[in-house]
Amino acid sequence: MFHANWLKNRGWAAATVALLGLYGLLVGGCASTAVQAQWADPQFTGQSLRGATVLVVCNAGATAVQRICQDQIAARMLMSGIRPVMATEADLSAAEGEPIAGNIFAAARRVGAHAIWGATIAPDVTVVSPGPTIGVGIGGFGTSGGWHRSSGVGGGIGVGVPVGGEQVNTVYAADMTLTDVGTGRLMWTSKITTPASQDITEQVTQLVEVGMQSAQQARYL
């Protein structure tokens, strides 16, 4: 009997360790903002934008998130020797039946921009606690149309552990693009995600920073 109980307890202990290990891997996997996918047109790789004017366009569901995104990108560009120009509300709107891309390219040409830096920021996964909850988002983030033709769907994993009561954390994702004004061609694009959090400002900051680092590695900055 003692031997059977010992084996049973040992089995539960092993299962607990395995579950904690899996949980640790999930938390570790979401512990930092990371590039999930990246693509660059070889024709433009290495063409630095230092000293050039770049039109900054941010799309977000909330105006506050859009403004934070624009400010963060502009500040980071100035550090890299790039002159950022913000797209206006008029640039981001179009007459009925007309594509917004026409307004964006017109605005870019008007200010003498060499390229358009676009960022679409949206929730990817929502995690509701109490209890360690794993939420998998499929199709929670996507883009279509815009100043270039693109579409995408992303998924992520977020883990939230509450201290007390219900807690809602959100994984945010960003689809960043760099488009050449002269040819209208997509130069570079990157999909980035953050870990689950309630601090949206910090998430946007991290998305922009990692996106800029990604573009820097491709020698655009």
Protein backbone atom coordinates (compact mmCIF):
# COMPACT_ATOMS: atom_id res chain seq x y z
CA MET A 1 0.00 0.00 0.00
CA PHE A 2 2.82 2.35 0.94
CA HIS A 3 4.61 1.56 -2.31
CA ALA A 4 1.43 2.21 -4.35
CA ASN A 5 0.81 5.57 -2.63
CA TRP A 6 4.44 6.54 -3.13
CA LEU A 7 4.20 5.80 -6.83
CA LYS A 8 0.91 7.68 -7.08
CA ASN A 9 2.34 10.76 -5.31
CA ARG A 10 5.46 10.59 -7.43
CA GLY A 11 3.29 10.48 -10.56
CA TRP A 12 1.36 13.58 -9.47
CA ALA A 13 4.63 15.35 -8.68
CA ALA A 14 6.02 14.54 -12.12
CA ALA A 15 2.83 15.74 -13.80
CA THR A 16 2.93 18.97 -11.78
CA VAL A 17 6.56 19.60 -12.74
CA ALA A 18 5.73 18.97 -16.39
CA LEU A 19 2.79 21.39 -16.31
CA LEU A 20 4.88 24.06 -14.58
CA GLY A 21 7.57 23.54 -17.17
CA LEU A 22 5.07 23.99 -20.01
CA TYR A 23 3.66 27.10 -18.33
CA GLY A 24 7.19 28.46 -17.92
CA LEU A 25 7.89 27.91 -21.60
CA LEU A 26 4.71 29.75 -22.56
CA VAL A 27 5.53 32.67 -20.29
CA GLY A 28 9.11 32.72 -21.52
CA GLY A 29 7.95 32.64 -25.12
CA CYS A 30 5.81 35.74 -24.52
CA ALA A 31 8.25 37.55 -22.25
CA SER A 32 9.53 39.93 -24.88
CA THR A 33 8.42 41.87 -27.93
CA ALA A 34 9.54 39.99 -31.01
CA VAL A 35 9.49 40.00 -34.80
CA GLN A 36 7.24 37.17 -35.98
CA ALA A 37 7.85 37.62 -39.71
CA GLN A 38 9.82 39.96 -41.95
CA TRP A 39 10.26 40.49 -45.68
CA ALA A 40 12.38 42.90 -47.71
CA ASP A 41 12.60 43.60 -51.44
CA PRO A 42 16.22 42.86 -52.46
CA GLN A 43 16.07 45.78 -54.87
CA PHE A 44 15.84 48.24 -51.97
CA THR A 45 17.87 46.48 -49.30
CA GLY A 46 20.68 48.66 -47.98
CA GLN A 47 19.24 51.93 -49.31
CA SER A 48 19.51 54.04 -46.16
CA LEU A 49 16.88 56.70 -45.48
CA ARG A 50 19.23 58.85 -43.40
CA GLY A 51 18.79 62.48 -44.40
CA ALA A 52 15.56 61.74 -46.29
CA THR A 53 11.98 62.80 -45.56
CA VAL A 54 9.57 59.98 -44.64
CA LEU A 55 5.79 60.26 -44.29
CA VAL A 56 4.57 58.54 -41.11
CA VAL A 57 1.15 56.87 -41.20
CA CYS A 58 -0.31 55.04 -38.17
CA ASN A 59 -3.58 53.10 -38.19
CA ALA A 60 -5.14 52.11 -34.86
CA GLY A 61 -8.60 51.53 -33.45
CA ALA A 62 -8.17 54.32 -30.88
CA THR A 63 -6.98 57.87 -31.58
CA ALA A 64 -4.76 57.83 -28.48
CA VAL A 65 -2.94 54.70 -29.70
CA GLN A 66 -2.56 56.26 -33.15
CA ARG A 67 -1.00 59.43 -31.71
CA ILE A 68 1.35 57.50 -29.45
CA CYS A 69 2.42 55.42 -32.44
CA GLN A 70 3.15 58.50 -34.56
CA ASP A 71 5.08 60.25 -31.79
CA GLN A 72 7.19 57.18 -31.05
CA ILE A 73 8.04 56.58 -34.71
CA ALA A 74 8.87 60.27 -35.28
CA ALA A 75 11.15 60.41 -32.23
CA ARG A 76 12.98 57.24 -33.28
CA MET A 77 13.41 58.53 -36.84
CA LEU A 78 14.91 61.80 -35.63
CA MET A 79 17.47 59.79 -33.65
CA SER A 80 18.38 58.00 -36.89
CA GLY A 81 18.82 61.20 -38.89
CA ILE A 82 15.51 60.91 -40.78
CA ARG A 83 13.04 63.79 -41.17
CA PRO A 84 9.56 62.48 -40.26
CA VAL A 85 6.37 64.18 -41.48
CA MET A 86 3.05 63.14 -39.96
CA ALA A 87 0.11 62.24 -42.18
CA THR A 88 -2.88 64.47 -41.39
CA GLU A 89 -6.48 63.43 -40.82
CA ALA A 90 -7.30 64.72 -44.32
CA ASP A 91 -4.55 62.47 -45.74
CA LEU A 92 -6.12 59.47 -44.01
CA SER A 93 -9.59 60.06 -45.44
CA ALA A 94 -10.88 59.72 -48.99
CA ALA A 95 -14.00 60.56 -50.93
CA GLU A 96 -16.60 57.80 -51.23
CA GLY A 97 -15.47 55.13 -53.63
CA GLU A 98 -11.87 56.39 -53.79
CA PRO A 99 -8.96 54.42 -52.29
CA ILE A 100 -7.10 56.03 -49.40
CA ALA A 101 -3.79 55.12 -51.06
CA GLY A 102 -4.21 58.01 -53.50
CA ASN A 103 -4.36 60.52 -50.64
CA ILE A 104 -1.34 59.02 -48.91
CA PHE A 105 0.86 59.08 -51.99
CA ALA A 106 -0.30 62.60 -52.84
CA ALA A 107 0.62 63.73 -49.33
CA ALA A 108 4.02 62.04 -49.58
CA ARG A 109 4.80 63.74 -52.89
CA ARG A 110 3.58 67.08 -51.54
CA VAL A 111 6.09 67.05 -48.67
CA GLY A 112 8.88 65.58 -50.81
CA ALA A 113 8.94 62.26 -48.96
CA HIS A 114 11.20 59.54 -50.26
CA ALA A 115 9.22 56.78 -48.52
CA ILE A 116 6.08 56.07 -46.46
CA TRP A 117 6.42 54.37 -43.09
CA GLY A 118 3.12 52.69 -42.26
CA ALA A 119 2.15 51.03 -38.99
CA THR A 120 -1.11 49.24 -38.21
CA ILE A 121 -1.48 48.44 -34.52
CA ALA A 122 -4.30 46.26 -33.19
CA PRO A 123 -5.13 43.79 -30.40
CA ASP A 124 -4.03 40.27 -31.28
CA VAL A 125 -5.12 38.27 -28.23
CA THR A 126 -7.14 39.10 -25.09
CA VAL A 127 -6.36 37.18 -21.91
CA VAL A 128 -8.95 37.08 -19.10
CA SER A 129 -8.02 35.89 -15.60
CA PRO A 130 -8.35 34.62 -12.80
CA GLY A 131 -6.18 31.59 -13.14
CA PRO A 132 -3.31 31.12 -15.59
CA THR A 133 -5.21 31.50 -18.87
CA ILE A 134 -3.79 30.83 -22.29
CA GLY A 135 -5.52 32.61 -25.14
CA VAL A 136 -4.70 31.79 -28.72
CA GLY A 137 -5.71 34.38 -31.28
CA ILE A 138 -6.22 33.37 -34.87
CA GLY A 139 -7.44 36.06 -37.19
CA GLY A 140 -7.48 38.61 -34.39
CA PHE A 141 -5.12 40.87 -36.27
CA GLY A 142 -5.08 41.71 -39.92
CA THR A 143 -4.59 44.40 -42.50
CA SER A 144 -5.88 44.94 -45.98
CA GLY A 145 -5.61 47.63 -48.59
CA GLY A 146 -4.08 50.91 -47.44
CA TRP A 147 -1.24 52.63 -49.21
CA HIS A 148 -0.08 49.31 -50.65
CA ARG A 149 -1.83 46.04 -51.31
CA SER A 150 -1.45 43.70 -48.36
CA SER A 151 -3.36 41.33 -46.16
CA GLY A 152 -2.41 39.30 -43.15
CA VAL A 153 -3.63 37.31 -40.20
CA GLY A 154 -1.71 36.80 -37.00
CA GLY A 155 -1.99 34.74 -33.87
CA GLY A 156 -0.30 34.89 -30.50
CA ILE A 157 -0.23 33.43 -27.02
CA GLY A 158 -0.64 35.48 -23.86
CA VAL A 159 -0.50 34.40 -20.24
CA GLY A 160 -1.96 36.52 -17.43
CA VAL A 161 -1.66 35.64 -13.74
CA PRO A 162 -3.92 37.79 -11.51
CA VAL A 163 -3.02 38.88 -7.97
CA GLY A 164 -6.69 39.12 -7.07
CA GLY A 165 -9.98 39.47 -8.91
CA GLU A 166 -10.49 39.47 -12.65
CA GLN A 167 -7.67 40.77 -14.82
CA VAL A 168 -7.68 41.42 -18.56
CA ASN A 169 -4.42 41.59 -20.47
CA THR A 170 -4.04 42.14 -24.20
CA VAL A 171 -1.40 41.07 -26.69
CA TYR A 172 -0.87 43.82 -29.27
CA ALA A 173 0.61 43.33 -32.72
CA ALA A 174 1.94 45.70 -35.35
CA ASP A 175 2.20 45.32 -39.10
CA MET A 176 4.90 47.79 -40.21
CA THR A 177 5.66 48.66 -43.82
CA LEU A 178 8.07 50.83 -45.75
CA THR A 179 6.91 51.88 -49.22
CA ASP A 180 8.88 53.66 -51.93
CA VAL A 181 7.04 56.80 -53.08
CA GLY A 182 8.62 56.94 -56.54
CA THR A 183 7.63 53.42 -57.61
CA GLY A 184 4.82 52.63 -55.16
CA ARG A 185 6.55 49.35 -54.36
CA LEU A 186 6.68 47.76 -50.92
CA MET A 187 10.30 47.92 -49.74
CA TRP A 188 10.07 46.15 -46.38
CA THR A 189 7.46 44.77 -43.98
CA SER A 190 7.54 43.25 -40.52
CA LYS A 191 4.98 41.63 -38.17
CA ILE A 192 5.73 42.24 -34.47
CA THR A 193 3.95 41.19 -31.28
CA THR A 194 4.21 42.15 -27.61
CA PRO A 195 3.55 40.06 -24.50
CA ALA A 196 0.15 40.36 -22.80
CA SER A 197 -0.15 43.53 -20.73
CA GLN A 198 -2.51 46.24 -19.52
CA ASP A 199 -0.02 49.01 -20.38
CA ILE A 200 -0.83 49.87 -24.00
CA THR A 201 1.56 52.83 -24.11
CA GLU A 202 4.50 50.62 -23.21
CA GLN A 203 3.39 47.99 -25.72
CA VAL A 204 3.26 50.55 -28.54
CA THR A 205 6.68 51.86 -27.50
CA GLN A 206 8.13 48.36 -27.66
CA LEU A 207 6.46 47.58 -30.99
CA VAL A 208 7.95 50.72 -32.54
CA GLU A 209 11.40 50.12 -31.07
CA VAL A 210 11.60 46.52 -32.26
CA GLY A 211 10.23 47.55 -35.67
CA MET A 212 12.87 50.22 -36.01
CA GLN A 213 15.60 47.80 -34.98
CA SER A 214 14.33 45.36 -37.60
CA ALA A 215 14.49 48.04 -40.31
CA GLN A 216 17.93 49.06 -39.08
CA GLN A 217 19.18 45.50 -39.49
CA ALA A 218 17.95 45.67 -43.09
CA ARG A 219 20.07 48.85 -43.38
CA TYR A 220 17.20 51.24 -44.08
CA LEU A 221 18.02 53.38 -41.03
